[in-house]
PDB file of N, CA and C in Angstrom:
ATOM      1  N   MET A   1       0.850  -1.168   0.005  1.00  0.00           N
ATOM      2  CA  MET A   1       0.007  -0.019  -0.020  1.00  0.00           C
ATOM      3  C   MET A   1       0.901   1.248  -0.011  1.00  0.00           C
ATOM      4  N   ALA A   2       0.575   2.205  -0.801  1.00  0.00           N
ATOM      5  CA  ALA A   2       1.390   3.446  -0.923  1.00  0.00           C
ATOM      6  C   ALA A   2       1.423   4.171   0.385  1.00  0.00           C
ATOM      7  N   ALA A   3       2.499   4.937   0.565  1.00  0.00           N
ATOM      8  CA  ALA A   3       2.689   5.798   1.744  1.00  0.00           C
ATOM      9  C   ALA A   3       3.250   7.127   1.273  1.00  0.00           C
ATOM     10  N   TYR A   4       3.013   8.150   2.022  1.00  0.00           N
ATOM     11  CA  TYR A   4       3.416   9.502   1.641  1.00  0.00           C
ATOM     12  C   TYR A   4       4.155  10.199   2.765  1.00  0.00           C
ATOM     13  N   ILE A   5       5.316  10.712   2.482  1.00  0.00           N
ATOM     14  CA  ILE A   5       5.975  11.608   3.417  1.00  0.00           C
ATOM     15  C   ILE A   5       5.415  13.000   3.108  1.00  0.00           C
ATOM     16  N   ILE A   6       4.946  13.649   4.144  1.00  0.00           N
ATOM     17  CA  ILE A   6       4.439  15.023   4.018  1.00  0.00           C
ATOM     18  C   ILE A   6       5.303  15.904   4.942  1.00  0.00           C
ATOM     19  N   ALA A   7       5.849  16.958   4.368  1.00  0.00           N
ATOM     20  CA  ALA A   7       6.679  17.865   5.154  1.00  0.00           C
ATOM     21  C   ALA A   7       6.156  19.243   4.998  1.00  0.00           C
ATOM     22  N   ASN A   8       6.014  19.938   6.106  1.00  0.00           N
ATOM     23  CA  ASN A   8       5.697  21.361   6.148  1.00  0.00           C
ATOM     24  C   ASN A   8       6.929  22.086   6.648  1.00  0.00           C
ATOM     25  N   VAL A   9       7.376  23.076   5.872  1.00  0.00           N
ATOM     26  CA  VAL A   9       8.690  23.652   6.113  1.00  0.00           C
ATOM     27  C   VAL A   9       8.577  25.166   6.240  1.00  0.00           C
ATOM     28  N   ASP A  10       9.258  25.728   7.201  1.00  0.00           N
ATOM     29  CA  ASP A  10       9.441  27.156   7.354  1.00  0.00           C
ATOM     30  C   ASP A  10      10.926  27.420   7.215  1.00  0.00           C
ATOM     31  N   VAL A  11      11.369  27.910   6.095  1.00  0.00           N
ATOM     32  CA  VAL A  11      12.774  28.171   5.810  1.00  0.00           C
ATOM     33  C   VAL A  11      13.181  29.464   6.449  1.00  0.00           C
ATOM     34  N   THR A  12      14.234  29.351   7.316  1.00  0.00           N
ATOM     35  CA  THR A  12      14.717  30.544   7.991  1.00  0.00           C
ATOM     36  C   THR A  12      15.958  31.125   7.392  1.00  0.00           C
ATOM     37  N   ASP A  13      16.666  30.324   6.591  1.00  0.00           N
ATOM     38  CA  ASP A  13      17.871  30.799   5.911  1.00  0.00           C
ATOM     39  C   ASP A  13      17.858  30.288   4.460  1.00  0.00           C
ATOM     40  N   PRO A  14      17.207  31.019   3.557  1.00  0.00           N
ATOM     41  CA  PRO A  14      17.052  30.525   2.195  1.00  0.00           C
ATOM     42  C   PRO A  14      18.345  30.174   1.465  1.00  0.00           C
ATOM     43  N   GLU A  15      19.399  30.928   1.716  1.00  0.00           N
ATOM     44  CA  GLU A  15      20.662  30.660   1.057  1.00  0.00           C
ATOM     45  C   GLU A  15      21.264  29.327   1.486  1.00  0.00           C
ATOM     46  N   GLN A  16      21.263  29.090   2.754  1.00  0.00           N
ATOM     47  CA  GLN A  16      21.809  27.813   3.269  1.00  0.00           C
ATOM     48  C   GLN A  16      20.883  26.646   2.973  1.00  0.00           C
ATOM     49  N   TYR A  17      19.594  26.948   2.819  1.00  0.00           N
ATOM     50  CA  TYR A  17      18.608  25.884   2.521  1.00  0.00           C
ATOM     51  C   TYR A  17      18.891  25.253   1.160  1.00  0.00           C
ATOM     52  N   LYS A  18      19.555  25.970   0.275  1.00  0.00           N
ATOM     53  CA  LYS A  18      19.878  25.449  -1.074  1.00  0.00           C
ATOM     54  C   LYS A  18      20.708  24.205  -0.970  1.00  0.00           C
ATOM     55  N   ALA A  19      21.597  24.093   0.014  1.00  0.00           N
ATOM     56  CA  ALA A  19      22.395  22.870   0.185  1.00  0.00           C
ATOM     57  C   ALA A  19      21.520  21.706   0.516  1.00  0.00           C
ATOM     58  N   TYR A  20      20.533  21.950   1.387  1.00  0.00           N
ATOM     59  CA  TYR A  20      19.575  20.862   1.704  1.00  0.00           C
ATOM     60  C   TYR A  20      18.810  20.442   0.469  1.00  0.00           C
ATOM     61  N   GLN A  21      18.359  21.399  -0.329  1.00  0.00           N
ATOM     62  CA  GLN A  21      17.610  21.056  -1.542  1.00  0.00           C
ATOM     63  C   GLN A  21      18.412  20.185  -2.510  1.00  0.00           C
ATOM     64  N   GLN A  22      19.666  20.515  -2.673  1.00  0.00           N
ATOM     65  CA  GLN A  22      20.536  19.721  -3.558  1.00  0.00           C
ATOM     66  C   GLN A  22      20.715  18.307  -3.022  1.00  0.00           C
ATOM     67  N   LEU A  23      20.996  18.186  -1.722  1.00  0.00           N
ATOM     68  CA  LEU A  23      21.210  16.894  -1.143  1.00  0.00           C
ATOM     69  C   LEU A  23      19.931  16.059  -1.062  1.00  0.00           C
ATOM     70  N   SER A  24      18.801  16.713  -0.784  1.00  0.00           N
ATOM     71  CA  SER A  24      17.523  15.938  -0.753  1.00  0.00           C
ATOM     72  C   SER A  24      17.115  15.502  -2.159  1.00  0.00           C
ATOM     73  N   THR A  25      17.410  16.332  -3.164  1.00  0.00           N
ATOM     74  CA  THR A  25      17.147  15.926  -4.522  1.00  0.00           C
ATOM     75  C   THR A  25      17.956  14.697  -4.893  1.00  0.00           C
ATOM     76  N   HIS A  26      19.230  14.696  -4.496  1.00  0.00           N
ATOM     77  CA  HIS A  26      20.104  13.515  -4.741  1.00  0.00           C
ATOM     78  C   HIS A  26      19.506  12.292  -4.045  1.00  0.00           C
ATOM     79  N   ALA A  27      19.093  12.450  -2.790  1.00  0.00           N
ATOM     80  CA  ALA A  27      18.516  11.342  -2.060  1.00  0.00           C
ATOM     81  C   ALA A  27      17.232  10.789  -2.742  1.00  0.00           C
ATOM     82  N   MET A  28      16.397  11.698  -3.215  1.00  0.00           N
ATOM     83  CA  MET A  28      15.186  11.257  -3.877  1.00  0.00           C
ATOM     84  C   MET A  28      15.490  10.517  -5.176  1.00  0.00           C
ATOM     85  N   LYS A  29      16.453  10.993  -5.909  1.00  0.00           N
ATOM     86  CA  LYS A  29      16.849  10.301  -7.162  1.00  0.00           C
ATOM     87  C   LYS A  29      17.458   8.949  -6.869  1.00  0.00           C
ATOM     88  N   THR A  30      18.301   8.880  -5.831  1.00  0.00           N
ATOM     89  CA  THR A  30      18.935   7.617  -5.465  1.00  0.00           C
ATOM     90  C   THR A  30      17.918   6.585  -5.062  1.00  0.00           C
ATOM     91  N   HIS A  31      16.846   6.995  -4.405  1.00  0.00           N
ATOM     92  CA  HIS A  31      15.821   6.071  -3.894  1.00  0.00           C
ATOM     93  C   HIS A  31      14.627   5.972  -4.844  1.00  0.00           C
ATOM     94  N   ASN A  32      14.732   6.621  -5.990  1.00  0.00           N
ATOM     95  CA  ASN A  32      13.694   6.509  -7.033  1.00  0.00           C
ATOM     96  C   ASN A  32      12.269   6.758  -6.505  1.00  0.00           C
ATOM     97  N   VAL A  33      12.125   7.886  -5.780  1.00  0.00           N
ATOM     98  CA  VAL A  33      10.844   8.221  -5.197  1.00  0.00           C
ATOM     99  C   VAL A  33      10.040   9.086  -6.175  1.00  0.00           C
ATOM    100  N   LYS A  34       8.760   9.156  -5.909  1.00  0.00           N
ATOM    101  CA  LYS A  34       7.871   9.945  -6.774  1.00  0.00           C
ATOM    102  C   LYS A  34       7.539  11.234  -6.001  1.00  0.00           C
ATOM    103  N   LEU A  35       8.001  12.369  -6.512  1.00  0.00           N
ATOM    104  CA  LEU A  35       7.777  13.630  -5.911  1.00  0.00           C
ATOM    105  C   LEU A  35       6.453  14.226  -6.424  1.00  0.00           C
ATOM    106  N   LEU A  36       5.529  14.469  -5.522  1.00  0.00           N
ATOM    107  CA  LEU A  36       4.207  14.950  -5.902  1.00  0.00           C
ATOM    108  C   LEU A  36       4.017  16.464  -5.726  1.00  0.00           C
ATOM    109  N   ALA A  37       4.696  17.037  -4.748  1.00  0.00           N
ATOM    110  CA  ALA A  37       4.609  18.484  -4.536  1.00  0.00           C
ATOM    111  C   ALA A  37       5.917  18.912  -3.838  1.00  0.00           C
ATOM    112  N   ARG A  38       6.417  20.082  -4.246  1.00  0.00           N
ATOM    113  CA  ARG A  38       7.640  20.589  -3.624  1.00  0.00           C
ATOM    114  C   ARG A  38       7.611  22.114  -3.670  1.00  0.00           C
ATOM    115  N   GLY A  39       6.992  22.675  -2.616  1.00  0.00           N
ATOM    116  CA  GLY A  39       7.041  24.121  -2.437  1.00  0.00           C
ATOM    117  C   GLY A  39       6.168  24.932  -3.373  1.00  0.00           C
ATOM    118  N   GLY A  40       5.195  24.324  -3.996  1.00  0.00           N
ATOM    119  CA  GLY A  40       4.314  25.056  -4.869  1.00  0.00           C
ATOM    120  C   GLY A  40       3.373  25.985  -4.128  1.00  0.00           C
ATOM    121  N   GLU A  41       2.577  26.677  -4.851  1.00  0.00           N
ATOM    122  CA  GLU A  41       1.614  27.621  -4.283  1.00  0.00           C
ATOM    123  C   GLU A  41       0.610  26.848  -3.409  1.00  0.00           C
ATOM    124  N   THR A  42       0.264  27.457  -2.268  1.00  0.00           N
ATOM    125  CA  THR A  42      -0.781  26.854  -1.387  1.00  0.00           C
ATOM    126  C   THR A  42      -1.899  27.839  -1.185  1.00  0.00           C
ATOM    127  N   LEU A  43      -3.043  27.269  -0.886  1.00  0.00           N
ATOM    128  CA  LEU A  43      -4.249  28.066  -0.615  1.00  0.00           C
ATOM    129  C   LEU A  43      -4.896  27.472   0.607  1.00  0.00           C
ATOM    130  N   ALA A  44      -4.972  28.234   1.694  1.00  0.00           N
ATOM    131  CA  ALA A  44      -5.614  27.751   2.912  1.00  0.00           C
ATOM    132  C   ALA A  44      -7.121  27.720   2.740  1.00  0.00           C
ATOM    133  N   LEU A  45      -7.696  26.562   2.928  1.00  0.00           N
ATOM    134  CA  LEU A  45      -9.145  26.397   2.890  1.00  0.00           C
ATOM    135  C   LEU A  45      -9.725  26.461   4.304  1.00  0.00           C
ATOM    136  N   GLU A  46      -8.982  25.966   5.256  1.00  0.00           N
ATOM    137  CA  GLU A  46      -9.298  26.060   6.709  1.00  0.00           C
ATOM    138  C   GLU A  46      -8.036  26.166   7.438  1.00  0.00           C
ATOM    139  N   GLY A  47      -7.966  27.019   8.440  1.00  0.00           N
ATOM    140  CA  GLY A  47      -6.720  27.207   9.202  1.00  0.00           C
ATOM    141  C   GLY A  47      -5.694  27.952   8.396  1.00  0.00           C
ATOM    142  N   ASN A  48      -4.455  27.732   8.724  1.00  0.00           N
ATOM    143  CA  ASN A  48      -3.347  28.414   8.053  1.00  0.00           C
ATOM    144  C   ASN A  48      -2.581  27.458   7.177  1.00  0.00           C
ATOM    145  N   ALA A  49      -2.261  27.900   5.983  1.00  0.00           N
ATOM    146  CA  ALA A  49      -1.458  27.070   5.089  1.00  0.00           C
ATOM    147  C   ALA A  49       0.024  27.152   5.519  1.00  0.00           C
ATOM    148  N   PRO A  50       0.747  26.026   5.451  1.00  0.00           N
ATOM    149  CA  PRO A  50       2.172  26.090   5.747  1.00  0.00           C
ATOM    150  C   PRO A  50       2.868  26.943   4.708  1.00  0.00           C
ATOM    151  N   LYS A  51       4.074  27.396   5.033  1.00  0.00           N
ATOM    152  CA  LYS A  51       4.829  28.240   4.121  1.00  0.00           C
ATOM    153  C   LYS A  51       5.346  27.432   2.924  1.00  0.00           C
ATOM    154  N   ARG A  52       5.708  26.179   3.165  1.00  0.00           N
ATOM    155  CA  ARG A  52       6.250  25.316   2.097  1.00  0.00           C
ATOM    156  C   ARG A  52       5.824  23.895   2.425  1.00  0.00           C
ATOM    157  N   THR A  53       5.307  23.171   1.419  1.00  0.00           N
ATOM    158  CA  THR A  53       4.872  21.807   1.577  1.00  0.00           C
ATOM    159  C   THR A  53       5.547  20.917   0.551  1.00  0.00           C
ATOM    160  N   VAL A  54       5.972  19.733   1.039  1.00  0.00           N
ATOM    161  CA  VAL A  54       6.542  18.695   0.165  1.00  0.00           C
ATOM    162  C   VAL A  54       5.789  17.431   0.375  1.00  0.00           C
ATOM    163  N   ILE A  55       5.430  16.744  -0.709  1.00  0.00           N
ATOM    164  CA  ILE A  55       4.744  15.454  -0.625  1.00  0.00           C
ATOM    165  C   ILE A  55       5.504  14.478  -1.512  1.00  0.00           C
ATOM    166  N   ILE A  56       5.917  13.359  -0.955  1.00  0.00           N
ATOM    167  CA  ILE A  56       6.666  12.350  -1.658  1.00  0.00           C
ATOM    168  C   ILE A  56       5.956  11.014  -1.521  1.00  0.00           C
ATOM    169  N   GLU A  57       5.781  10.292  -2.648  1.00  0.00           N
ATOM    170  CA  GLU A  57       5.083   8.994  -2.645  1.00  0.00           C
ATOM    171  C   GLU A  57       6.108   7.850  -2.627  1.00  0.00           C
ATOM    172  N   PHE A  58       5.786   6.851  -1.813  1.00  0.00           N
ATOM    173  CA  PHE A  58       6.591   5.628  -1.699  1.00  0.00           C
ATOM    174  C   PHE A  58       5.652   4.423  -1.874  1.00  0.00           C
ATOM    175  N   GLU A  59       6.250   3.299  -2.206  1.00  0.00           N
ATOM    176  CA  GLU A  59       5.439   2.074  -2.381  1.00  0.00           C
ATOM    177  C   GLU A  59       4.863   1.579  -1.067  1.00  0.00           C
ATOM    178  N   THR A  60       5.617   1.764   0.019  1.00  0.00           N
ATOM    179  CA  THR A  60       5.186   1.270   1.343  1.00  0.00           C
ATOM    180  C   THR A  60       5.648   2.209   2.457  1.00  0.00           C
ATOM    181  N   MET A  61       5.104   2.024   3.656  1.00  0.00           N
ATOM    182  CA  MET A  61       5.553   2.772   4.825  1.00  0.00           C
ATOM    183  C   MET A  61       7.025   2.451   5.099  1.00  0.00           C
ATOM    184  N   GLU A  62       7.409   1.191   4.916  1.00  0.00           N
ATOM    185  CA  GLU A  62       8.769   0.763   5.159  1.00  0.00           C
ATOM    186  C   GLU A  62       9.753   1.452   4.191  1.00  0.00           C
ATOM    187  N   ALA A  63       9.361   1.633   2.963  1.00  0.00           N
ATOM    188  CA  ALA A  63      10.201   2.310   1.977  1.00  0.00           C
ATOM    189  C   ALA A  63      10.367   3.794   2.343  1.00  0.00           C
ATOM    190  N   ALA A  64       9.320   4.407   2.835  1.00  0.00           N
ATOM    191  CA  ALA A  64       9.402   5.787   3.263  1.00  0.00           C
ATOM    192  C   ALA A  64      10.363   5.935   4.446  1.00  0.00           C
ATOM    193  N   GLU A  65      10.247   5.017   5.418  1.00  0.00           N
ATOM    194  CA  GLU A  65      11.135   5.043   6.583  1.00  0.00           C
ATOM    195  C   GLU A  65      12.567   4.755   6.166  1.00  0.00           C
ATOM    196  N   ALA A  66      12.757   3.832   5.257  1.00  0.00           N
ATOM    197  CA  ALA A  66      14.132   3.534   4.778  1.00  0.00           C
ATOM    198  C   ALA A  66      14.753   4.749   4.086  1.00  0.00           C
ATOM    199  N   PHE A  67      13.941   5.477   3.307  1.00  0.00           N
ATOM    200  CA  PHE A  67      14.439   6.700   2.669  1.00  0.00           C
ATOM    201  C   PHE A  67      14.881   7.701   3.739  1.00  0.00           C
ATOM    202  N   TYR A  68      13.989   7.943   4.716  1.00  0.00           N
ATOM    203  CA  TYR A  68      14.295   8.923   5.762  1.00  0.00           C
ATOM    204  C   TYR A  68      15.582   8.566   6.520  1.00  0.00           C
ATOM    205  N   ASN A  69      15.824   7.317   6.755  1.00  0.00           N
ATOM    206  CA  ASN A  69      16.991   6.865   7.520  1.00  0.00           C
ATOM    207  C   ASN A  69      18.191   6.564   6.643  1.00  0.00           C
ATOM    208  N   SER A  70      18.124   6.772   5.332  1.00  0.00           N
ATOM    209  CA  SER A  70      19.213   6.453   4.429  1.00  0.00           C
ATOM    210  C   SER A  70      20.395   7.434   4.649  1.00  0.00           C
ATOM    211  N   PRO A  71      21.601   6.971   4.311  1.00  0.00           N
ATOM    212  CA  PRO A  71      22.765   7.879   4.389  1.00  0.00           C
ATOM    213  C   PRO A  71      22.616   9.109   3.535  1.00  0.00           C
ATOM    214  N   GLU A  72      21.991   8.946   2.345  1.00  0.00           N
ATOM    215  CA  GLU A  72      21.803  10.072   1.463  1.00  0.00           C
ATOM    216  C   GLU A  72      20.918  11.161   2.095  1.00  0.00           C
ATOM    217  N   TYR A  73      19.800  10.735   2.685  1.00  0.00           N
ATOM    218  CA  TYR A  73      18.901  11.720   3.281  1.00  0.00           C
ATOM    219  C   TYR A  73      19.418  12.229   4.616  1.00  0.00           C
ATOM    220  N   LEU A  74      20.216  11.414   5.319  1.00  0.00           N
ATOM    221  CA  LEU A  74      20.816  11.882   6.555  1.00  0.00           C
ATOM    222  C   LEU A  74      21.728  13.092   6.243  1.00  0.00           C
ATOM    223  N   ALA A  75      22.447  13.038   5.153  1.00  0.00           N
ATOM    224  CA  ALA A  75      23.319  14.164   4.763  1.00  0.00           C
ATOM    225  C   ALA A  75      22.459  15.405   4.499  1.00  0.00           C
ATOM    226  N   ALA A  76      21.315  15.241   3.876  1.00  0.00           N
ATOM    227  CA  ALA A  76      20.402  16.348   3.626  1.00  0.00           C
ATOM    228  C   ALA A  76      19.888  16.912   4.926  1.00  0.00           C
ATOM    229  N   ARG A  77      19.467  16.017   5.835  1.00  0.00           N
ATOM    230  CA  ARG A  77      18.928  16.467   7.134  1.00  0.00           C
ATOM    231  C   ARG A  77      19.976  17.260   7.927  1.00  0.00           C
ATOM    232  N   GLN A  78      21.215  16.822   7.850  1.00  0.00           N
ATOM    233  CA  GLN A  78      22.277  17.552   8.567  1.00  0.00           C
ATOM    234  C   GLN A  78      22.505  18.924   7.954  1.00  0.00           C
ATOM    235  N   ALA A  79      22.367  19.041   6.638  1.00  0.00           N
ATOM    236  CA  ALA A  79      22.509  20.351   5.964  1.00  0.00           C
ATOM    237  C   ALA A  79      21.360  21.263   6.289  1.00  0.00           C
ATOM    238  N   ARG A  80      20.225  20.710   6.673  1.00  0.00           N
ATOM    239  CA  ARG A  80      19.041  21.515   7.009  1.00  0.00           C
ATOM    240  C   ARG A  80      19.021  22.022   8.431  1.00  0.00           C
ATOM    241  N   GLU A  81      19.863  21.456   9.278  1.00  0.00           N
ATOM    242  CA  GLU A  81      19.885  21.914  10.677  1.00  0.00           C
ATOM    243  C   GLU A  81      20.133  23.399  10.775  1.00  0.00           C
ATOM    244  N   ASN A  82      19.302  24.056  11.578  1.00  0.00           N
ATOM    245  CA  ASN A  82      19.407  25.481  11.853  1.00  0.00           C
ATOM    246  C   ASN A  82      19.084  26.396  10.660  1.00  0.00           C
ATOM    247  N   VAL A  83      18.531  25.870   9.582  1.00  0.00           N
ATOM    248  CA  VAL A  83      18.165  26.716   8.467  1.00  0.00           C
ATOM    249  C   VAL A  83      16.677  26.612   8.113  1.00  0.00           C
ATOM    250  N   ALA A  84      15.944  25.723   8.817  1.00  0.00           N
ATOM    251  CA  ALA A  84      14.507  25.536   8.541  1.00  0.00           C
ATOM    252  C   ALA A  84      13.898  24.796   9.725  1.00  0.00           C
ATOM    253  N   HIS A  85      12.600  25.102   9.952  1.00  0.00           N
ATOM    254  CA  HIS A  85      11.828  24.381  10.930  1.00  0.00           C
ATOM    255  C   HIS A  85      10.945  23.423  10.100  1.00  0.00           C
ATOM    256  N   MET A  86      10.950  22.130  10.502  1.00  0.00           N
ATOM    257  CA  MET A  86      10.301  21.115   9.682  1.00  0.00           C
ATOM    258  C   MET A  86       9.315  20.297  10.529  1.00  0.00           C
ATOM    259  N   THR A  87       8.174  20.028   9.992  1.00  0.00           N
ATOM    260  CA  THR A  87       7.287  19.012  10.525  1.00  0.00           C
ATOM    261  C   THR A  87       7.160  17.999   9.409  1.00  0.00           C
ATOM    262  N   MET A  88       7.533  16.736   9.674  1.00  0.00           N
ATOM    263  CA  MET A  88       7.544  15.707   8.650  1.00  0.00           C
ATOM    264  C   MET A  88       6.930  14.429   9.249  1.00  0.00           C
ATOM    265  N   TYR A  89       6.094  13.804   8.423  1.00  0.00           N
ATOM    266  CA  TYR A  89       5.496  12.530   8.891  1.00  0.00           C
ATOM    267  C   TYR A  89       5.148  11.670   7.688  1.00  0.00           C
ATOM    268  N   VAL A  90       4.893  10.412   7.963  1.00  0.00           N
ATOM    269  CA  VAL A  90       4.479   9.461   6.913  1.00  0.00           C
ATOM    270  C   VAL A  90       3.032   9.110   7.153  1.00  0.00           C
ATOM    271  N   VAL A  91       2.262   9.066   6.102  1.00  0.00           N
ATOM    272  CA  VAL A  91       0.856   8.666   6.183  1.00  0.00           C
ATOM    273  C   VAL A  91       0.634   7.553   5.169  1.00  0.00           C
ATOM    274  N   GLN A  92      -0.091   6.552   5.613  1.00  0.00           N
ATOM    275  CA  GLN A  92      -0.408   5.411   4.718  1.00  0.00           C
ATOM    276  C   GLN A  92      -1.554   5.795   3.789  1.00  0.00           C
ATOM    277  N   GLY A  93      -1.402   5.422   2.531  1.00  0.00           N
ATOM    278  CA  GLY A  93      -2.442   5.674   1.541  1.00  0.00           C
ATOM    279  C   GLY A  93      -3.617   4.695   1.693  1.00  0.00           C
ATOM    280  N   VAL A  94      -4.650   4.947   0.909  1.00  0.00           N
ATOM    281  CA  VAL A  94      -5.821   4.049   0.960  1.00  0.00           C
ATOM    282  C   VAL A  94      -5.833   3.102  -0.224  1.00  0.00           C
TER     283      VAL A  94
END
């Protein structure tokens, strides 16, 4: 069953965030994930829209977790420290 990593991001240092973007792009390509949304325009229908949203599709919850814990994405996460506030979670598809 498909699973989705959903990340809501508040970038505090756009220049330094570029390193995270490059490394996370490499990680996504390495793990052959399907990127569904990455920072596009948002419209709040109820509550407040996050500043930046990323949605990535995986074949399973386990694949999403493996991506998150991979050496490639760990490098990206380290590059993101202190340059963005992130809420990230995995949700199982229907």
